[in-house]
Amino acid sequence: SGRITYYADSVMGRFTISRDNAKNTVYLQ
């Protein structure tokens, strides 16, 4: 759904995962 995310402690607060289901793509900022 894109509404729930999980992060490793080492990247928490620095990395952001997101997705665009219309484009069949997931991102990692």
mmCIF file of all heavy atoms, coordinates in Angstrom:
data_MODEL
# 
_entry.id   MODEL 
# 
loop_
_atom_site.group_PDB 
_atom_site.id 
_atom_site.type_symbol 
_atom_site.label_atom_id 
_atom_site.label_alt_id 
_atom_site.label_comp_id 
_atom_site.label_asym_id 
_atom_site.label_entity_id 
_atom_site.label_seq_id 
_atom_site.pdbx_PDB_ins_code 
_atom_site.Cartn_x 
_atom_site.Cartn_y 
_atom_site.Cartn_z 
_atom_site.occupancy 
_atom_site.B_iso_or_equiv 
_atom_site.pdbx_formal_charge 
_atom_site.auth_seq_id 
_atom_site.auth_comp_id 
_atom_site.auth_asym_id 
_atom_site.auth_atom_id 
_atom_site.pdbx_PDB_model_num 
ATOM 1   N N   . SER A 1 1  ? 0.803  -1.213 0.000   1.00 0.00 ? 1  SER A N   1 
ATOM 2   C CA  . SER A 1 1  ? 0.000  0.000  0.000   1.00 0.00 ? 1  SER A CA  1 
ATOM 3   C C   . SER A 1 1  ? 0.839  1.267  0.000   1.00 0.00 ? 1  SER A C   1 
ATOM 4   O O   . SER A 1 1  ? 0.345  2.338  -0.361  1.00 0.00 ? 1  SER A O   1 
ATOM 5   C CB  . SER A 1 1  ? -0.919 0.018  1.216   1.00 0.00 ? 1  SER A CB  1 
ATOM 6   O OG  . SER A 1 1  ? -0.165 0.157  2.407   1.00 0.00 ? 1  SER A OG  1 
ATOM 7   N N   . GLY A 1 2  ? 2.090  1.162  0.433   1.00 0.00 ? 2  GLY A N   1 
ATOM 8   C CA  . GLY A 1 2  ? 2.946  2.321  0.582   1.00 0.00 ? 2  GLY A CA  1 
ATOM 9   C C   . GLY A 1 2  ? 2.780  3.042  1.896   1.00 0.00 ? 2  GLY A C   1 
ATOM 10  O O   . GLY A 1 2  ? 3.499  4.010  2.168   1.00 0.00 ? 2  GLY A O   1 
ATOM 11  N N   . ARG A 1 3  ? 1.870  2.593  2.735   1.00 0.00 ? 3  ARG A N   1 
ATOM 12  C CA  . ARG A 1 3  ? 1.568  3.299  3.984   1.00 0.00 ? 3  ARG A CA  1 
ATOM 13  C C   . ARG A 1 3  ? 2.422  2.845  5.162   1.00 0.00 ? 3  ARG A C   1 
ATOM 14  O O   . ARG A 1 3  ? 2.474  3.552  6.166   1.00 0.00 ? 3  ARG A O   1 
ATOM 15  C CB  . ARG A 1 3  ? 0.092  3.130  4.341   1.00 0.00 ? 3  ARG A CB  1 
ATOM 16  C CG  . ARG A 1 3  ? -0.854 3.793  3.345   1.00 0.00 ? 3  ARG A CG  1 
ATOM 17  C CD  . ARG A 1 3  ? -2.275 3.842  3.882   1.00 0.00 ? 3  ARG A CD  1 
ATOM 18  N NE  . ARG A 1 3  ? -2.850 2.518  4.066   1.00 0.00 ? 3  ARG A NE  1 
ATOM 19  C CZ  . ARG A 1 3  ? -3.562 1.866  3.152   1.00 0.00 ? 3  ARG A CZ  1 
ATOM 20  N NH1 . ARG A 1 3  ? -3.770 2.422  1.958   1.00 0.00 ? 3  ARG A NH1 1 
ATOM 21  N NH2 . ARG A 1 3  ? -4.048 0.668  3.413   1.00 0.00 ? 3  ARG A NH2 1 
ATOM 22  N N   . ILE A 1 4  ? 3.083  1.697  5.045   1.00 0.00 ? 4  ILE A N   1 
ATOM 23  C CA  . ILE A 1 4  ? 3.882  1.159  6.141   1.00 0.00 ? 4  ILE A CA  1 
ATOM 24  C C   . ILE A 1 4  ? 5.303  0.941  5.653   1.00 0.00 ? 4  ILE A C   1 
ATOM 25  O O   . ILE A 1 4  ? 5.517  0.305  4.620   1.00 0.00 ? 4  ILE A O   1 
ATOM 26  C CB  . ILE A 1 4  ? 3.295  -0.154 6.673   1.00 0.00 ? 4  ILE A CB  1 
ATOM 27  C CG1 . ILE A 1 4  ? 1.850  0.057  7.137   1.00 0.00 ? 4  ILE A CG1 1 
ATOM 28  C CG2 . ILE A 1 4  ? 4.143  -0.696 7.818   1.00 0.00 ? 4  ILE A CG2 1 
ATOM 29  C CD1 . ILE A 1 4  ? 1.135  -1.223 7.513   1.00 0.00 ? 4  ILE A CD1 1 
ATOM 30  N N   . THR A 1 5  ? 6.265  1.463  6.406   1.00 0.00 ? 5  THR A N   1 
ATOM 31  C CA  . THR A 1 5  ? 7.673  1.329  6.042   1.00 0.00 ? 5  THR A CA  1 
ATOM 32  C C   . THR A 1 5  ? 8.485  0.811  7.217   1.00 0.00 ? 5  THR A C   1 
ATOM 33  O O   . THR A 1 5  ? 8.087  0.930  8.374   1.00 0.00 ? 5  THR A O   1 
ATOM 34  C CB  . THR A 1 5  ? 8.255  2.671  5.572   1.00 0.00 ? 5  THR A CB  1 
ATOM 35  O OG1 . THR A 1 5  ? 8.105  3.644  6.615   1.00 0.00 ? 5  THR A OG1 1 
ATOM 36  C CG2 . THR A 1 5  ? 7.536  3.166  4.324   1.00 0.00 ? 5  THR A CG2 1 
ATOM 37  N N   . TYR A 1 6  ? 9.660  0.254  6.898   1.00 0.00 ? 6  TYR A N   1 
ATOM 38  C CA  . TYR A 1 6  ? 10.582 -0.274 7.892   1.00 0.00 ? 6  TYR A CA  1 
ATOM 39  C C   . TYR A 1 6  ? 11.991 0.142  7.503   1.00 0.00 ? 6  TYR A C   1 
ATOM 40  O O   . TYR A 1 6  ? 12.325 0.222  6.318   1.00 0.00 ? 6  TYR A O   1 
ATOM 41  C CB  . TYR A 1 6  ? 10.515 -1.804 7.963   1.00 0.00 ? 6  TYR A CB  1 
ATOM 42  C CG  . TYR A 1 6  ? 9.131  -2.367 8.121   1.00 0.00 ? 6  TYR A CG  1 
ATOM 43  C CD1 . TYR A 1 6  ? 8.351  -2.658 7.010   1.00 0.00 ? 6  TYR A CD1 1 
ATOM 44  C CD2 . TYR A 1 6  ? 8.606  -2.620 9.387   1.00 0.00 ? 6  TYR A CD2 1 
ATOM 45  C CE1 . TYR A 1 6  ? 7.079  -3.182 7.151   1.00 0.00 ? 6  TYR A CE1 1 
ATOM 46  C CE2 . TYR A 1 6  ? 7.334  -3.140 9.540   1.00 0.00 ? 6  TYR A CE2 1 
ATOM 47  C CZ  . TYR A 1 6  ? 6.576  -3.422 8.418   1.00 0.00 ? 6  TYR A CZ  1 
ATOM 48  O OH  . TYR A 1 6  ? 5.311  -3.949 8.567   1.00 0.00 ? 6  TYR A OH  1 
ATOM 49  N N   . TYR A 1 7  ? 12.837 0.398  8.512   1.00 0.00 ? 7  TYR A N   1 
ATOM 50  C CA  . TYR A 1 7  ? 14.204 0.824  8.258   1.00 0.00 ? 7  TYR A CA  1 
ATOM 51  C C   . TYR A 1 7  ? 15.173 0.143  9.204   1.00 0.00 ? 7  TYR A C   1 
ATOM 52  O O   . TYR A 1 7  ? 14.852 -0.121 10.365  1.00 0.00 ? 7  TYR A O   1 
ATOM 53  C CB  . TYR A 1 7  ? 14.348 2.334  8.433   1.00 0.00 ? 7  TYR A CB  1 
ATOM 54  C CG  . TYR A 1 7  ? 13.548 3.147  7.449   1.00 0.00 ? 7  TYR A CG  1 
ATOM 55  C CD1 . TYR A 1 7  ? 12.285 3.621  7.776   1.00 0.00 ? 7  TYR A CD1 1 
ATOM 56  C CD2 . TYR A 1 7  ? 14.060 3.441  6.189   1.00 0.00 ? 7  TYR A CD2 1 
ATOM 57  C CE1 . TYR A 1 7  ? 11.540 4.361  6.876   1.00 0.00 ? 7  TYR A CE1 1 
ATOM 58  C CE2 . TYR A 1 7  ? 13.321 4.187  5.281   1.00 0.00 ? 7  TYR A CE2 1 
ATOM 59  C CZ  . TYR A 1 7  ? 12.068 4.643  5.625   1.00 0.00 ? 7  TYR A CZ  1 
ATOM 60  O OH  . TYR A 1 7  ? 11.335 5.383  4.725   1.00 0.00 ? 7  TYR A OH  1 
ATOM 61  N N   . ALA A 1 8  ? 16.363 -0.120 8.700   1.00 0.00 ? 8  ALA A N   1 
ATOM 62  C CA  . ALA A 1 8  ? 17.448 -0.533 9.571   1.00 0.00 ? 8  ALA A CA  1 
ATOM 63  C C   . ALA A 1 8  ? 17.831 0.627  10.483  1.00 0.00 ? 8  ALA A C   1 
ATOM 64  O O   . ALA A 1 8  ? 17.750 1.795  10.089  1.00 0.00 ? 8  ALA A O   1 
ATOM 65  C CB  . ALA A 1 8  ? 18.657 -0.974 8.748   1.00 0.00 ? 8  ALA A CB  1 
ATOM 66  N N   . ASP A 1 9  ? 18.260 0.300  11.694  1.00 0.00 ? 9  ASP A N   1 
ATOM 67  C CA  . ASP A 1 9  ? 18.648 1.352  12.634  1.00 0.00 ? 9  ASP A CA  1 
ATOM 68  C C   . ASP A 1 9  ? 19.748 2.247  12.060  1.00 0.00 ? 9  ASP A C   1 
ATOM 69  O O   . ASP A 1 9  ? 19.777 3.455  12.322  1.00 0.00 ? 9  ASP A O   1 
ATOM 70  C CB  . ASP A 1 9  ? 19.125 0.736  13.947  1.00 0.00 ? 9  ASP A CB  1 
ATOM 71  C CG  . ASP A 1 9  ? 18.006 0.094  14.743  1.00 0.00 ? 9  ASP A CG  1 
ATOM 72  O OD1 . ASP A 1 9  ? 16.829 0.385  14.478  1.00 0.00 ? 9  ASP A OD1 1 
ATOM 73  O OD2 . ASP A 1 9  ? 18.314 -0.703 15.648  1.00 0.00 ? 9  ASP A OD2 1 
ATOM 74  N N   . SER A 1 10 ? 20.629 1.673  11.265  1.00 0.00 ? 10 SER A N   1 
ATOM 75  C CA  . SER A 1 10 ? 21.770 2.403  10.746  1.00 0.00 ? 10 SER A CA  1 
ATOM 76  C C   . SER A 1 10 ? 21.396 3.483  9.732   1.00 0.00 ? 10 SER A C   1 
ATOM 77  O O   . SER A 1 10 ? 22.192 4.390  9.480   1.00 0.00 ? 10 SER A O   1 
ATOM 78  C CB  . SER A 1 10 ? 22.777 1.438  10.112  1.00 0.00 ? 10 SER A CB  1 
ATOM 79  O OG  . SER A 1 10 ? 22.178 0.711  9.052   1.00 0.00 ? 10 SER A OG  1 
ATOM 80  N N   . VAL A 1 11 ? 20.201 3.392  9.147   1.00 0.00 ? 11 VAL A N   1 
ATOM 81  C CA  . VAL A 1 11 ? 19.788 4.367  8.137   1.00 0.00 ? 11 VAL A CA  1 
ATOM 82  C C   . VAL A 1 11 ? 18.583 5.187  8.570   1.00 0.00 ? 11 VAL A C   1 
ATOM 83  O O   . VAL A 1 11 ? 18.174 6.105  7.843   1.00 0.00 ? 11 VAL A O   1 
ATOM 84  C CB  . VAL A 1 11 ? 19.503 3.697  6.784   1.00 0.00 ? 11 VAL A CB  1 
ATOM 85  C CG1 . VAL A 1 11 ? 20.695 2.856  6.342   1.00 0.00 ? 11 VAL A CG1 1 
ATOM 86  C CG2 . VAL A 1 11 ? 18.230 2.845  6.850   1.00 0.00 ? 11 VAL A CG2 1 
ATOM 87  N N   . MET A 1 12 ? 18.030 4.884  9.716   1.00 0.00 ? 12 MET A N   1 
ATOM 88  C CA  . MET A 1 12 ? 16.847 5.592  10.207  1.00 0.00 ? 12 MET A CA  1 
ATOM 89  C C   . MET A 1 12 ? 17.109 7.092  10.267  1.00 0.00 ? 12 MET A C   1 
ATOM 90  O O   . MET A 1 12 ? 18.113 7.547  10.806  1.00 0.00 ? 12 MET A O   1 
ATOM 91  C CB  . MET A 1 12 ? 16.461 5.064  11.586  1.00 0.00 ? 12 MET A CB  1 
ATOM 92  C CG  . MET A 1 12 ? 15.173 5.653  12.146  1.00 0.00 ? 12 MET A CG  1 
ATOM 93  S SD  . MET A 1 12 ? 13.704 4.979  11.325  1.00 0.00 ? 12 MET A SD  1 
ATOM 94  C CE  . MET A 1 12 ? 13.731 3.292  11.955  1.00 0.00 ? 12 MET A CE  1 
ATOM 95  N N   . GLY A 1 13 ? 16.189 7.862  9.702   1.00 0.00 ? 13 GLY A N   1 
ATOM 96  C CA  . GLY A 1 13 ? 16.309 9.306  9.705   1.00 0.00 ? 13 GLY A CA  1 
ATOM 97  C C   . GLY A 1 13 ? 17.108 9.866  8.556   1.00 0.00 ? 13 GLY A C   1 
ATOM 98  O O   . GLY A 1 13 ? 17.087 11.082 8.328   1.00 0.00 ? 13 GLY A O   1 
ATOM 99  N N   . ARG A 1 14 ? 17.824 9.008  7.824   1.00 0.00 ? 14 ARG A N   1 
ATOM 100 C CA  . ARG A 1 14 ? 18.625 9.459  6.686   1.00 0.00 ? 14 ARG A CA  1 
ATOM 101 C C   . ARG A 1 14 ? 18.073 8.964  5.350   1.00 0.00 ? 14 ARG A C   1 
ATOM 102 O O   . ARG A 1 14 ? 18.176 9.659  4.338   1.00 0.00 ? 14 ARG A O   1 
ATOM 103 C CB  . ARG A 1 14 ? 20.073 8.993  6.832   1.00 0.00 ? 14 ARG A CB  1 
ATOM 104 C CG  . ARG A 1 14 ? 20.775 9.535  8.073   1.00 0.00 ? 14 ARG A CG  1 
ATOM 105 C CD  . ARG A 1 14 ? 22.256 9.189  8.067   1.00 0.00 ? 14 ARG A CD  1 
ATOM 106 N NE  . ARG A 1 14 ? 22.483 7.745  8.093   1.00 0.00 ? 14 ARG A NE  1 
ATOM 107 C CZ  . ARG A 1 14 ? 23.119 7.062  7.136   1.00 0.00 ? 14 ARG A CZ  1 
ATOM 108 N NH1 . ARG A 1 14 ? 23.602 7.683  6.070   1.00 0.00 ? 14 ARG A NH1 1 
ATOM 109 N NH2 . ARG A 1 14 ? 23.287 5.746  7.253   1.00 0.00 ? 14 ARG A NH2 1 
ATOM 110 N N   . PHE A 1 15 ? 17.518 7.762  5.345   1.00 0.00 ? 15 PHE A N   1 
ATOM 111 C CA  . PHE A 1 15 ? 16.984 7.158  4.127   1.00 0.00 ? 15 PHE A CA  1 
ATOM 112 C C   . PHE A 1 15 ? 15.459 7.164  4.167   1.00 0.00 ? 15 PHE A C   1 
ATOM 113 O O   . PHE A 1 15 ? 14.853 7.046  5.233   1.00 0.00 ? 15 PHE A O   1 
ATOM 114 C CB  . PHE A 1 15 ? 17.450 5.711  3.980   1.00 0.00 ? 15 PHE A CB  1 
ATOM 115 C CG  . PHE A 1 15 ? 18.913 5.535  3.682   1.00 0.00 ? 15 PHE A CG  1 
ATOM 116 C CD1 . PHE A 1 15 ? 19.815 6.585  3.774   1.00 0.00 ? 15 PHE A CD1 1 
ATOM 117 C CD2 . PHE A 1 15 ? 19.392 4.285  3.311   1.00 0.00 ? 15 PHE A CD2 1 
ATOM 118 C CE1 . PHE A 1 15 ? 21.159 6.410  3.508   1.00 0.00 ? 15 PHE A CE1 1 
ATOM 119 C CE2 . PHE A 1 15 ? 20.732 4.094  3.036   1.00 0.00 ? 15 PHE A CE2 1 
ATOM 120 C CZ  . PHE A 1 15 ? 21.620 5.156  3.137   1.00 0.00 ? 15 PHE A CZ  1 
ATOM 121 N N   . THR A 1 16 ? 14.845 7.261  2.995   1.00 0.00 ? 16 THR A N   1 
ATOM 122 C CA  . THR A 1 16 ? 13.402 7.201  2.872   1.00 0.00 ? 16 THR A CA  1 
ATOM 123 C C   . THR A 1 16 ? 13.030 6.289  1.711   1.00 0.00 ? 16 THR A C   1 
ATOM 124 O O   . THR A 1 16 ? 13.484 6.498  0.584   1.00 0.00 ? 16 THR A O   1 
ATOM 125 C CB  . THR A 1 16 ? 12.788 8.586  2.639   1.00 0.00 ? 16 THR A CB  1 
ATOM 126 O OG1 . THR A 1 16 ? 13.144 9.467  3.717   1.00 0.00 ? 16 THR A OG1 1 
ATOM 127 C CG2 . THR A 1 16 ? 11.264 8.487  2.565   1.00 0.00 ? 16 THR A CG2 1 
ATOM 128 N N   . ILE A 1 17 ? 12.210 5.280  1.986   1.00 0.00 ? 17 ILE A N   1 
ATOM 129 C CA  . ILE A 1 17 ? 11.712 4.410  0.939   1.00 0.00 ? 17 ILE A CA  1 
ATOM 130 C C   . ILE A 1 17 ? 10.308 4.862  0.548   1.00 0.00 ? 17 ILE A C   1 
ATOM 131 O O   . ILE A 1 17 ? 9.514  5.262  1.401   1.00 0.00 ? 17 ILE A O   1 
ATOM 132 C CB  . ILE A 1 17 ? 11.717 2.928  1.379   1.00 0.00 ? 17 ILE A CB  1 
ATOM 133 C CG1 . ILE A 1 17 ? 11.371 2.010  0.201   1.00 0.00 ? 17 ILE A CG1 1 
ATOM 134 C CG2 . ILE A 1 17 ? 10.774 2.687  2.550   1.00 0.00 ? 17 ILE A CG2 1 
ATOM 135 C CD1 . ILE A 1 17 ? 11.580 0.530  0.502   1.00 0.00 ? 17 ILE A CD1 1 
ATOM 136 N N   . SER A 1 18 ? 10.015 4.818  -0.739  1.00 0.00 ? 18 SER A N   1 
ATOM 137 C CA  . SER A 1 18 ? 8.697  5.190  -1.234  1.00 0.00 ? 18 SER A CA  1 
ATOM 138 C C   . SER A 1 18 ? 8.400  4.386  -2.493  1.00 0.00 ? 18 SER A C   1 
ATOM 139 O O   . SER A 1 18 ? 9.276  3.708  -3.034  1.00 0.00 ? 18 SER A O   1 
ATOM 140 C CB  . SER A 1 18 ? 8.621  6.697  -1.516  1.00 0.00 ? 18 SER A CB  1 
ATOM 141 O OG  . SER A 1 18 ? 9.545  7.072  -2.522  1.00 0.00 ? 18 SER A OG  1 
ATOM 142 N N   . ARG A 1 19 ? 7.162  4.465  -2.948  1.00 0.00 ? 19 ARG A N   1 
ATOM 143 C CA  . ARG A 1 19 ? 6.802  3.736  -4.161  1.00 0.00 ? 19 ARG A CA  1 
ATOM 144 C C   . ARG A 1 19 ? 5.744  4.496  -4.931  1.00 0.00 ? 19 ARG A C   1 
ATOM 145 O O   . ARG A 1 19 ? 4.956  5.257  -4.373  1.00 0.00 ? 19 ARG A O   1 
ATOM 146 C CB  . ARG A 1 19 ? 6.312  2.322  -3.833  1.00 0.00 ? 19 ARG A CB  1 
ATOM 147 C CG  . ARG A 1 19 ? 5.006  2.259  -3.061  1.00 0.00 ? 19 ARG A CG  1 
ATOM 148 C CD  . ARG A 1 19 ? 4.748  0.835  -2.556  1.00 0.00 ? 19 ARG A CD  1 
ATOM 149 N NE  . ARG A 1 19 ? 4.562  -0.104 -3.652  1.00 0.00 ? 19 ARG A NE  1 
ATOM 150 C CZ  . ARG A 1 19 ? 4.720  -1.429 -3.546  1.00 0.00 ? 19 ARG A CZ  1 
ATOM 151 N NH1 . ARG A 1 19 ? 5.100  -1.957 -2.382  1.00 0.00 ? 19 ARG A NH1 1 
ATOM 152 N NH2 . ARG A 1 19 ? 4.516  -2.215 -4.600  1.00 0.00 ? 19 ARG A NH2 1 
ATOM 153 N N   . ASP A 1 20 ? 5.735  4.271  -6.233  1.00 0.00 ? 20 ASP A N   1 
ATOM 154 C CA  . ASP A 1 20 ? 4.729  4.815  -7.121  1.00 0.00 ? 20 ASP A CA  1 
ATOM 155 C C   . ASP A 1 20 ? 4.159  3.627  -7.878  1.00 0.00 ? 20 ASP A C   1 
ATOM 156 O O   . ASP A 1 20 ? 4.740  3.160  -8.855  1.00 0.00 ? 20 ASP A O   1 
ATOM 157 C CB  . ASP A 1 20 ? 5.328  5.846  -8.074  1.00 0.00 ? 20 ASP A CB  1 
ATOM 158 C CG  . ASP A 1 20 ? 4.280  6.533  -8.927  1.00 0.00 ? 20 ASP A CG  1 
ATOM 159 O OD1 . ASP A 1 20 ? 3.171  5.993  -9.079  1.00 0.00 ? 20 ASP A OD1 1 
ATOM 160 O OD2 . ASP A 1 20 ? 4.583  7.623  -9.455  1.00 0.00 ? 20 ASP A OD2 1 
ATOM 161 N N   . ASN A 1 21 ? 3.033  3.131  -7.406  1.00 0.00 ? 21 ASN A N   1 
ATOM 162 C CA  . ASN A 1 21 ? 2.467  1.924  -7.999  1.00 0.00 ? 21 ASN A CA  1 
ATOM 163 C C   . ASN A 1 21 ? 2.008  2.140  -9.440  1.00 0.00 ? 21 ASN A C   1 
ATOM 164 O O   . ASN A 1 21 ? 1.972  1.201  -10.230 1.00 0.00 ? 21 ASN A O   1 
ATOM 165 C CB  . ASN A 1 21 ? 1.315  1.409  -7.139  1.00 0.00 ? 21 ASN A CB  1 
ATOM 166 C CG  . ASN A 1 21 ? 1.797  0.769  -5.854  1.00 0.00 ? 21 ASN A CG  1 
ATOM 167 O OD1 . ASN A 1 21 ? 2.969  0.428  -5.718  1.00 0.00 ? 21 ASN A OD1 1 
ATOM 168 N ND2 . ASN A 1 21 ? 0.896  0.591  -4.902  1.00 0.00 ? 21 ASN A ND2 1 
ATOM 169 N N   . ALA A 1 22 ? 1.636  3.365  -9.780  1.00 0.00 ? 22 ALA A N   1 
ATOM 170 C CA  . ALA A 1 22 ? 1.244  3.663  -11.153 1.00 0.00 ? 22 ALA A CA  1 
ATOM 171 C C   . ALA A 1 22 ? 2.415  3.508  -12.110 1.00 0.00 ? 22 ALA A C   1 
ATOM 172 O O   . ALA A 1 22 ? 2.217  3.224  -13.295 1.00 0.00 ? 22 ALA A O   1 
ATOM 173 C CB  . ALA A 1 22 ? 0.662  5.066  -11.250 1.00 0.00 ? 22 ALA A CB  1 
ATOM 174 N N   . LYS A 1 23 ? 3.634  3.692  -11.608 1.00 0.00 ? 23 LYS A N   1 
ATOM 175 C CA  . LYS A 1 23 ? 4.836  3.565  -12.425 1.00 0.00 ? 23 LYS A CA  1 
ATOM 176 C C   . LYS A 1 23 ? 5.585  2.265  -12.172 1.00 0.00 ? 23 LYS A C   1 
ATOM 177 O O   . LYS A 1 23 ? 6.664  2.059  -12.729 1.00 0.00 ? 23 LYS A O   1 
ATOM 178 C CB  . LYS A 1 23 ? 5.774  4.745  -12.176 1.00 0.00 ? 23 LYS A CB  1 
ATOM 179 C CG  . LYS A 1 23 ? 5.206  6.089  -12.592 1.00 0.00 ? 23 LYS A CG  1 
ATOM 180 C CD  . LYS A 1 23 ? 6.209  7.202  -12.346 1.00 0.00 ? 23 LYS A CD  1 
ATOM 181 C CE  . LYS A 1 23 ? 5.666  8.536  -12.805 1.00 0.00 ? 23 LYS A CE  1 
ATOM 182 N NZ  . LYS A 1 23 ? 6.636  9.644  -12.568 1.00 0.00 ? 23 LYS A NZ  1 
ATOM 183 N N   . ASN A 1 24 ? 5.042  1.404  -11.329 1.00 0.00 ? 24 ASN A N   1 
ATOM 184 C CA  . ASN A 1 24 ? 5.691  0.132  -10.986 1.00 0.00 ? 24 ASN A CA  1 
ATOM 185 C C   . ASN A 1 24 ? 7.128  0.346  -10.521 1.00 0.00 ? 24 ASN A C   1 
ATOM 186 O O   . ASN A 1 24 ? 8.052  -0.366 -10.934 1.00 0.00 ? 24 ASN A O   1 
ATOM 187 C CB  . ASN A 1 24 ? 5.676  -0.820 -12.179 1.00 0.00 ? 24 ASN A CB  1 
ATOM 188 C CG  . ASN A 1 24 ? 4.288  -1.336 -12.505 1.00 0.00 ? 24 ASN A CG  1 
ATOM 189 O OD1 . ASN A 1 24 ? 3.315  -1.033 -11.824 1.00 0.00 ? 24 ASN A OD1 1 
ATOM 190 N ND2 . ASN A 1 24 ? 4.199  -2.135 -13.564 1.00 0.00 ? 24 ASN A ND2 1 
ATOM 191 N N   . THR A 1 25 ? 7.314  1.319  -9.651  1.00 0.00 ? 25 THR A N   1 
ATOM 192 C CA  . THR A 1 25 ? 8.652  1.718  -9.238  1.00 0.00 ? 25 THR A CA  1 
ATOM 193 C C   . THR A 1 25 ? 8.719  1.951  -7.734  1.00 0.00 ? 25 THR A C   1 
ATOM 194 O O   . THR A 1 25 ? 7.798  2.530  -7.150  1.00 0.00 ? 25 THR A O   1 
ATOM 195 C CB  . THR A 1 25 ? 9.090  2.993  -9.974  1.00 0.00 ? 25 THR A CB  1 
ATOM 196 O OG1 . THR A 1 25 ? 9.048  2.761  -11.387 1.00 0.00 ? 25 THR A OG1 1 
ATOM 197 C CG2 . THR A 1 25 ? 10.505 3.392  -9.586  1.00 0.00 ? 25 THR A CG2 1 
ATOM 198 N N   . VAL A 1 26 ? 9.822  1.515  -7.131  1.00 0.00 ? 26 VAL A N   1 
ATOM 199 C CA  . VAL A 1 26 ? 10.113 1.805  -5.736  1.00 0.00 ? 26 VAL A CA  1 
ATOM 200 C C   . VAL A 1 26 ? 11.390 2.630  -5.687  1.00 0.00 ? 26 VAL A C   1 
ATOM 201 O O   . VAL A 1 26 ? 12.285 2.444  -6.522  1.00 0.00 ? 26 VAL A O   1 
ATOM 202 C CB  . VAL A 1 26 ? 10.230 0.511  -4.902  1.00 0.00 ? 26 VAL A CB  1 
ATOM 203 C CG1 . VAL A 1 26 ? 11.396 -0.343 -5.378  1.00 0.00 ? 26 VAL A CG1 1 
ATOM 204 C CG2 . VAL A 1 26 ? 10.360 0.837  -3.419  1.00 0.00 ? 26 VAL A CG2 1 
ATOM 205 N N   . TYR A 1 27 ? 11.483 3.540  -4.720  1.00 0.00 ? 27 TYR A N   1 
ATOM 206 C CA  . TYR A 1 27 ? 12.604 4.452  -4.614  1.00 0.00 ? 27 TYR A CA  1 
ATOM 207 C C   . TYR A 1 27 ? 13.273 4.336  -3.251  1.00 0.00 ? 27 TYR A C   1 
ATOM 208 O O   . TYR A 1 27 ? 12.653 3.956  -2.260  1.00 0.00 ? 27 TYR A O   1 
ATOM 209 C CB  . TYR A 1 27 ? 12.145 5.902  -4.798  1.00 0.00 ? 27 TYR A CB  1 
ATOM 210 C CG  . TYR A 1 27 ? 11.388 6.157  -6.073  1.00 0.00 ? 27 TYR A CG  1 
ATOM 211 C CD1 . TYR A 1 27 ? 10.002 6.117  -6.096  1.00 0.00 ? 27 TYR A CD1 1 
ATOM 212 C CD2 . TYR A 1 27 ? 12.062 6.435  -7.258  1.00 0.00 ? 27 TYR A CD2 1 
ATOM 213 C CE1 . TYR A 1 27 ? 9.299  6.353  -7.264  1.00 0.00 ? 27 TYR A CE1 1 
ATOM 214 C CE2 . TYR A 1 27 ? 11.371 6.671  -8.431  1.00 0.00 ? 27 TYR A CE2 1 
ATOM 215 C CZ  . TYR A 1 27 ? 9.985  6.630  -8.430  1.00 0.00 ? 27 TYR A CZ  1 
ATOM 216 O OH  . TYR A 1 27 ? 9.300  6.866  -9.595  1.00 0.00 ? 27 TYR A OH  1 
ATOM 217 N N   . LEU A 1 28 ? 14.538 4.692  -3.212  1.00 0.00 ? 28 LEU A N   1 
ATOM 218 C CA  . LEU A 1 28 ? 15.254 4.836  -1.957  1.00 0.00 ? 28 LEU A CA  1 
ATOM 219 C C   . LEU A 1 28 ? 16.006 6.155  -1.998  1.00 0.00 ? 28 LEU A C   1 
ATOM 220 O O   . LEU A 1 28 ? 17.011 6.276  -2.704  1.00 0.00 ? 28 LEU A O   1 
ATOM 221 C CB  . LEU A 1 28 ? 16.217 3.677  -1.717  1.00 0.00 ? 28 LEU A CB  1 
ATOM 222 C CG  . LEU A 1 28 ? 16.929 3.691  -0.364  1.00 0.00 ? 28 LEU A CG  1 
ATOM 223 C CD1 . LEU A 1 28 ? 15.931 3.443  0.769   1.00 0.00 ? 28 LEU A CD1 1 
ATOM 224 C CD2 . LEU A 1 28 ? 18.041 2.649  -0.320  1.00 0.00 ? 28 LEU A CD2 1 
ATOM 225 N N   . GLN A 1 29 ? 15.503 7.137  -1.278  1.00 0.00 ? 29 GLN A N   1 
ATOM 226 C CA  . GLN A 1 29 ? 16.175 8.421  -1.157  1.00 0.00 ? 29 GLN A CA  1 
ATOM 227 C C   . GLN A 1 29 ? 17.186 8.325  -0.025  1.00 0.00 ? 29 GLN A C   1 
ATOM 228 O O   . GLN A 1 29 ? 16.815 8.036  1.114   1.00 0.00 ? 29 GLN A O   1 
ATOM 229 C CB  . GLN A 1 29 ? 15.170 9.533  -0.874  1.00 0.00 ? 29 GLN A CB  1 
ATOM 230 C CG  . GLN A 1 29 ? 15.794 10.908 -0.691  1.00 0.00 ? 29 GLN A CG  1 
ATOM 231 C CD  . GLN A 1 29 ? 16.413 11.439 -1.956  1.00 0.00 ? 29 GLN A CD  1 
ATOM 232 O OE1 . GLN A 1 29 ? 15.800 11.374 -3.020  1.00 0.00 ? 29 GLN A OE1 1 
ATOM 233 N NE2 . GLN A 1 29 ? 17.637 11.942 -1.857  1.00 0.00 ? 29 GLN A NE2 1 
# 
